Amino acid sequence: MADLSVNLCGISLKNPIIAASGTVSFGEVYSDFFDLSELGGISLKALTAEKREGNPPPRIAETASGIINSVGLQNPGVDAFIKFLYPNLESVDTCVIANVAGSSVDEYITTIKKLNETNIPIIELNISCPNVSEGGLQFGASEEAAFKVTQAARQATSKKLMVKLTPNVTDITAIAKAVEDAGADAVSLVNTFLAMAIDVRKKRPVLHNVTGGLSGPAIKPIALRMVHQVYHKVKIPIVGMGGIMTGTDVAEFMLAGATAVMTGTANMVTPDQSIKIIKEFNDCLDAYQIKTAAELTGSLILE
């Protein structure tokens, strides 16, 4: 059996498979299907300063090789999380990552400062949120906005700071470099691609919000390309995601430059798919006589 452990910006993970934010909620639902401690990590559902109800349904639609979602960051708010949900996570033997969202820099900072009271080691900064003070443009859509919110977050916490990048930009490498310069310890990519689905019979969009984020195997080739490009632009670790369904998919993302990966849509297709992916990844390494998972990162042969 290969050594599956990896080091993510100073945090040791038992394996490189992390459940992506929004796909396993706060862990409580999936604990009925498998032991969460088997995962390398869990990125929790996005947290905001105050409770959010999210968008009206329908807000999830199945499409070819993926799903489109427009959930709208529904969550109980950071205070309720710390009081009622966080205690259940303290006994889980895996790396817990808090995903933080907001509509203003101040909202991000309020949430982060409250999370400083916990033992959660990594903050994942979700910069795919609309910046209300800038007319709704996403924080992650410009180098300046991404730098500003990352710098503010860096000053607000001593925890490891990972910034989750949106793919809906002209040059994702420029955004990655901006957040690295602002003090990020790692980047995770990619978030979902803006998409829509239409019900021909009703002549209406399938989603109430008209558009949503596309995830699943359909986006994997584009996500791989972006991870590869960012790897050659920044020095900080990358957590790759986008359509990972098998152990071989994990290996591909790591060859492209990822230190670890996140599984998202896979968890919705089969609740314990991430556990199966860990086994398949180990089998893949054994088949190619690779002794450690870490040696895969960035070892893609280009000549």
Protein backbone atom coordinates (compact mmCIF):
# COMPACT_ATOMS: atom_id res chain seq x y z
CA MET A 1 0.00 0.00 0.00
CA ALA A 2 1.31 3.45 -0.93
CA ASP A 3 1.82 6.27 1.54
CA LEU A 4 -1.21 8.46 0.81
CA SER A 5 -0.34 11.27 3.24
CA VAL A 6 0.28 14.79 1.93
CA ASN A 7 1.26 18.09 3.50
CA LEU A 8 -1.06 21.00 2.73
CA CYS A 9 0.63 24.29 3.72
CA GLY A 10 1.96 22.76 6.92
CA ILE A 11 -1.14 20.68 7.75
CA SER A 12 -0.72 16.91 7.49
CA LEU A 13 -3.55 15.07 5.70
CA LYS A 14 -3.82 11.27 5.89
CA ASN A 15 -4.75 11.25 2.20
CA PRO A 16 -5.31 13.95 -0.44
CA ILE A 17 -9.10 13.52 -0.74
CA ILE A 18 -11.14 16.34 0.81
CA ALA A 19 -14.93 16.63 0.61
CA ALA A 20 -15.70 19.92 -1.15
CA SER A 21 -17.65 22.73 0.47
CA GLY A 22 -21.41 22.47 0.17
CA THR A 23 -21.46 18.78 -0.70
CA VAL A 24 -21.39 17.16 2.74
CA SER A 25 -23.04 20.05 4.65
CA PHE A 26 -21.38 20.13 8.08
CA GLY A 27 -20.66 16.40 8.06
CA GLU A 28 -23.71 15.38 10.06
CA VAL A 29 -25.63 13.87 7.14
CA TYR A 30 -22.82 11.79 5.64
CA SER A 31 -21.70 10.34 8.97
CA ASP A 32 -24.58 7.85 8.55
CA PHE A 33 -22.90 6.43 5.43
CA PHE A 34 -19.20 6.28 6.35
CA ASP A 35 -16.64 7.32 8.93
CA LEU A 36 -15.72 10.93 8.12
CA SER A 37 -12.30 10.31 9.70
CA GLU A 38 -11.34 8.23 6.66
CA LEU A 39 -11.20 11.38 4.55
CA GLY A 40 -8.15 13.58 4.25
CA GLY A 41 -10.36 16.52 5.11
CA ILE A 42 -13.79 18.12 4.99
CA SER A 43 -14.53 21.59 3.69
CA LEU A 44 -17.70 22.70 5.42
CA LYS A 45 -20.72 24.36 3.88
CA ALA A 46 -20.08 28.08 3.36
CA LEU A 47 -20.57 30.22 6.46
CA THR A 48 -21.65 33.85 6.57
CA ALA A 49 -21.92 36.35 9.41
CA GLU A 50 -25.70 35.99 9.59
CA LYS A 51 -28.11 33.19 8.74
CA ARG A 52 -29.05 32.89 5.06
CA GLU A 53 -32.06 31.08 3.62
CA GLY A 54 -30.58 30.76 0.14
CA ASN A 55 -32.39 30.97 -3.18
CA PRO A 56 -35.97 29.75 -3.79
CA PRO A 57 -36.36 26.31 -5.39
CA PRO A 58 -35.86 24.75 -7.80
CA ARG A 59 -32.18 25.33 -7.21
CA ILE A 60 -30.48 22.11 -8.33
CA ALA A 61 -30.79 20.63 -11.82
CA GLU A 62 -29.19 17.55 -13.35
CA THR A 63 -27.56 18.02 -16.72
CA ALA A 64 -25.31 15.97 -19.00
CA SER A 65 -22.29 14.80 -16.97
CA GLY A 66 -22.97 17.16 -14.10
CA ILE A 67 -25.34 19.29 -12.07
CA ILE A 68 -26.18 23.00 -12.00
CA ASN A 69 -26.86 24.50 -8.60
CA SER A 70 -28.05 27.85 -7.35
CA VAL A 71 -28.43 27.10 -3.65
CA GLY A 72 -27.42 30.62 -2.65
CA LEU A 73 -25.15 29.98 0.36
CA GLN A 74 -27.93 28.75 2.65
CA ASN A 75 -26.42 28.33 6.12
CA PRO A 76 -27.27 28.90 9.81
CA GLY A 77 -24.77 31.71 10.31
CA VAL A 78 -21.40 31.48 12.04
CA ASP A 79 -22.74 31.91 15.60
CA ALA A 80 -25.20 29.02 15.28
CA PHE A 81 -22.50 26.90 13.66
CA ILE A 82 -20.08 27.44 16.53
CA LYS A 83 -22.75 26.78 19.17
CA PHE A 84 -24.62 23.82 17.70
CA LEU A 85 -22.61 22.18 14.89
CA TYR A 86 -18.92 22.68 15.62
CA PRO A 87 -18.94 20.53 18.82
CA ASN A 88 -19.91 17.51 16.70
CA LEU A 89 -16.84 18.01 14.51
CA GLU A 90 -14.26 18.16 17.30
CA SER A 91 -14.21 14.36 17.60
CA VAL A 92 -13.80 13.77 13.85
CA ASP A 93 -10.22 12.70 13.13
CA THR A 94 -9.69 14.63 9.92
CA CYS A 95 -8.76 18.13 8.81
CA VAL A 96 -11.79 20.41 9.09
CA ILE A 97 -11.80 23.40 6.75
CA ALA A 98 -14.18 26.33 7.27
CA ASN A 99 -15.45 27.88 4.05
CA VAL A 100 -16.22 31.59 4.52
CA ALA A 101 -18.40 33.73 2.24
CA GLY A 102 -19.64 37.28 2.34
CA SER A 103 -21.07 40.25 0.45
CA SER A 104 -18.54 42.73 1.82
CA VAL A 105 -15.01 42.65 3.20
CA ASP A 106 -16.40 43.46 6.65
CA GLU A 107 -18.71 40.43 6.54
CA TYR A 108 -15.80 38.13 5.68
CA ILE A 109 -13.76 39.54 8.56
CA THR A 110 -16.61 39.27 11.08
CA THR A 111 -17.04 35.58 10.27
CA ILE A 112 -13.31 34.83 10.28
CA LYS A 113 -12.74 36.48 13.66
CA LYS A 114 -15.47 34.35 15.21
CA LEU A 115 -13.96 31.20 13.70
CA ASN A 116 -10.66 32.17 15.34
CA GLU A 117 -12.28 30.93 18.57
CA THR A 118 -12.32 27.36 17.19
CA ASN A 119 -9.54 24.85 16.55
CA ILE A 120 -10.34 24.67 12.83
CA PRO A 121 -6.90 24.89 11.17
CA ILE A 122 -7.78 26.17 7.67
CA ILE A 123 -10.06 28.94 6.41
CA GLU A 124 -11.18 28.56 2.80
CA LEU A 125 -12.06 32.01 1.48
CA ASN A 126 -14.86 31.78 -1.06
CA ILE A 127 -14.32 34.78 -3.35
CA SER A 128 -16.99 33.78 -5.86
CA CYS A 129 -19.45 35.97 -3.91
CA PRO A 130 -20.96 39.21 -5.25
CA ASN A 131 -19.38 42.33 -3.74
CA VAL A 132 -22.37 44.56 -2.98
CA SER A 133 -20.21 47.66 -2.59
CA GLU A 134 -18.92 47.18 -6.15
CA GLY A 135 -22.24 46.70 -7.88
CA GLY A 136 -22.39 42.93 -7.45
CA LEU A 137 -19.13 42.05 -9.22
CA GLN A 138 -17.59 38.93 -7.73
CA PHE A 139 -14.61 39.40 -5.41
CA GLY A 140 -12.76 36.83 -7.47
CA ALA A 141 -13.42 38.52 -10.80
CA SER A 142 -10.61 41.08 -10.54
CA GLU A 143 -7.06 41.02 -9.23
CA GLU A 144 -7.64 44.16 -7.16
CA ALA A 145 -10.76 42.89 -5.39
CA ALA A 146 -9.26 39.43 -4.82
CA PHE A 147 -6.10 40.98 -3.37
CA LYS A 148 -8.06 43.31 -1.09
CA VAL A 149 -10.31 40.67 0.50
CA THR A 150 -7.45 38.17 0.84
CA GLN A 151 -5.19 40.75 2.47
CA ALA A 152 -7.94 41.68 4.95
CA ALA A 153 -8.54 38.01 5.76
CA ARG A 154 -4.81 37.42 6.20
CA GLN A 155 -4.67 40.23 8.75
CA ALA A 156 -7.71 38.86 10.60
CA THR A 157 -6.43 35.34 11.31
CA SER A 158 -3.32 33.33 12.04
CA LYS A 159 -4.98 30.19 10.68
CA LYS A 160 -3.91 28.81 7.32
CA LEU A 161 -5.70 30.74 4.58
CA MET A 162 -6.77 29.02 1.37
CA VAL A 163 -8.55 31.04 -1.31
CA LYS A 164 -11.13 29.34 -3.54
CA LEU A 165 -10.93 30.70 -7.08
CA THR A 166 -13.74 31.15 -9.58
CA PRO A 167 -13.08 29.92 -13.14
CA ASN A 168 -15.36 32.61 -14.57
CA VAL A 169 -12.50 34.99 -15.34
CA THR A 170 -10.29 35.81 -18.31
CA ASP A 171 -7.03 34.71 -16.64
CA ILE A 172 -7.25 32.60 -13.49
CA THR A 173 -3.46 32.66 -13.07
CA ALA A 174 -3.52 36.43 -12.54
CA ILE A 175 -6.09 36.05 -9.74
CA ALA A 176 -4.06 33.22 -8.19
CA LYS A 177 -0.93 35.36 -8.18
CA ALA A 178 -2.84 38.28 -6.66
CA VAL A 179 -4.08 36.24 -3.68
CA GLU A 180 -0.63 34.69 -3.22
CA ASP A 181 0.84 38.20 -3.05
CA ALA A 182 -1.87 39.15 -0.53
CA GLY A 183 -0.79 36.38 1.86
CA ALA A 184 -2.76 33.26 0.94
CA ASP A 185 -1.17 29.99 2.07
CA ALA A 186 -2.91 27.95 -0.66
CA VAL A 187 -5.49 28.18 -3.42
CA SER A 188 -8.35 25.81 -4.26
CA LEU A 189 -9.73 25.63 -7.80
CA VAL A 190 -11.99 25.52 -9.55
CA ASN A 191 -15.35 26.63 -8.27
CA THR A 192 -18.35 26.08 -10.56
CA PHE A 193 -18.83 27.44 -14.07
CA LEU A 194 -21.76 29.79 -14.74
CA ALA A 195 -24.41 27.84 -16.65
CA MET A 196 -28.13 27.35 -17.20
CA ALA A 197 -30.71 24.73 -18.14
CA ILE A 198 -34.04 25.22 -19.94
CA ASP A 199 -37.31 23.28 -19.73
CA VAL A 200 -38.49 23.30 -23.36
CA ARG A 201 -42.03 22.16 -22.49
CA LYS A 202 -42.53 25.04 -20.07
CA LYS A 203 -40.36 27.47 -22.04
CA ARG A 204 -38.75 28.44 -18.73
CA PRO A 205 -35.36 28.15 -17.06
CA VAL A 206 -35.12 25.01 -14.91
CA LEU A 207 -33.65 26.98 -12.00
CA HIS A 208 -35.66 29.69 -10.25
CA ASN A 209 -32.56 31.88 -10.29
CA VAL A 210 -32.19 31.27 -14.08
CA THR A 211 -28.44 30.54 -13.90
CA GLY A 212 -26.31 28.48 -11.54
CA GLY A 213 -22.95 26.82 -11.17
CA LEU A 214 -22.05 23.77 -13.25
CA SER A 215 -20.03 21.01 -11.57
CA GLY A 216 -19.28 17.37 -12.28
CA PRO A 217 -17.33 15.41 -14.93
CA ALA A 218 -18.31 17.87 -17.68
CA ILE A 219 -15.90 20.49 -16.28
CA LYS A 220 -12.96 18.19 -15.49
CA PRO A 221 -10.81 18.87 -18.61
CA ILE A 222 -11.11 22.64 -18.12
CA ALA A 223 -10.41 22.38 -14.40
CA LEU A 224 -7.31 20.28 -15.09
CA ARG A 225 -6.02 22.89 -17.52
CA MET A 226 -6.51 25.65 -14.98
CA VAL A 227 -4.74 23.72 -12.19
CA HIS A 228 -1.83 23.10 -14.56
CA GLN A 229 -1.61 26.79 -15.47
CA VAL A 230 -1.82 28.01 -11.87
CA TYR A 231 0.83 25.50 -10.76
CA HIS A 232 3.31 27.19 -13.07
CA LYS A 233 2.35 30.67 -11.82
CA VAL A 234 2.37 30.42 -8.00
CA LYS A 235 4.56 28.82 -5.35
CA ILE A 236 1.80 28.05 -2.82
CA PRO A 237 0.00 24.67 -2.76
CA ILE A 238 -3.05 23.99 -4.94
CA VAL A 239 -6.13 21.97 -4.04
CA GLY A 240 -7.70 20.88 -7.32
CA MET A 241 -11.34 20.08 -8.00
CA GLY A 242 -13.78 19.71 -10.84
CA GLY A 243 -15.45 16.44 -11.82
CA ILE A 244 -13.33 14.05 -9.75
CA MET A 245 -15.16 10.70 -9.73
CA THR A 246 -12.35 8.10 -9.59
CA GLY A 247 -8.94 7.46 -8.13
CA THR A 248 -7.40 8.01 -11.55
CA ASP A 249 -8.98 11.46 -11.64
CA VAL A 250 -7.16 12.27 -8.39
CA ALA A 251 -3.86 11.21 -9.94
CA GLU A 252 -4.48 13.41 -12.98
CA PHE A 253 -5.08 16.51 -10.85
CA MET A 254 -1.98 15.83 -8.78
CA LEU A 255 0.15 15.32 -11.89
CA ALA A 256 -1.15 18.68 -13.11
CA GLY A 257 0.10 20.32 -9.90
CA ALA A 258 -2.40 19.75 -7.10
CA THR A 259 -1.18 18.85 -3.62
CA ALA A 260 -4.65 17.60 -2.68
CA VAL A 261 -8.08 17.45 -4.30
CA MET A 262 -11.73 18.01 -3.44
CA THR A 263 -14.63 15.78 -4.39
CA GLY A 264 -18.03 17.43 -4.84
CA THR A 265 -20.62 16.10 -7.25
CA ALA A 266 -19.32 12.57 -6.61
CA ASN A 267 -20.68 12.78 -3.06
CA MET A 268 -24.16 13.49 -4.40
CA VAL A 269 -24.09 10.64 -6.89
CA THR A 270 -23.02 8.05 -4.30
CA PRO A 271 -22.78 9.09 -0.62
CA ASP A 272 -19.63 7.06 0.06
CA GLN A 273 -17.99 7.72 -3.32
CA SER A 274 -15.10 9.63 -1.72
CA ILE A 275 -14.16 6.53 0.28
CA LYS A 276 -14.21 4.45 -2.90
CA ILE A 277 -12.04 7.10 -4.58
CA ILE A 278 -9.43 6.81 -1.81
CA LYS A 279 -9.19 3.04 -2.39
CA GLU A 280 -9.08 3.47 -6.17
CA PHE A 281 -6.35 6.09 -5.81
CA ASN A 282 -4.26 3.71 -3.71
CA ASP A 283 -4.80 0.95 -6.29
CA CYS A 284 -3.72 3.37 -9.02
CA LEU A 285 -0.48 4.19 -7.20
CA ASP A 286 0.22 0.51 -6.57
CA ALA A 287 -0.42 -0.34 -10.22
CA TYR A 288 2.19 2.20 -11.34
CA GLN A 289 4.57 1.37 -8.47
CA ILE A 290 4.36 4.86 -7.00
CA LYS A 291 5.30 4.72 -3.33
CA THR A 292 4.00 8.08 -2.12
CA ALA A 293 1.09 10.26 -3.18
CA ALA A 294 3.12 13.41 -2.61
CA GLU A 295 5.61 12.58 -5.36
CA LEU A 296 2.86 12.87 -7.96
CA THR A 297 2.34 16.61 -7.47
CA GLY A 298 3.54 18.53 -10.52
CA SER A 299 5.35 15.53 -12.02
CA LEU A 300 3.62 15.80 -15.38
CA ILE A 301 6.08 15.15 -18.22
CA LEU A 302 5.79 17.86 -20.87
CA GLU A 303 8.72 17.00 -23.15
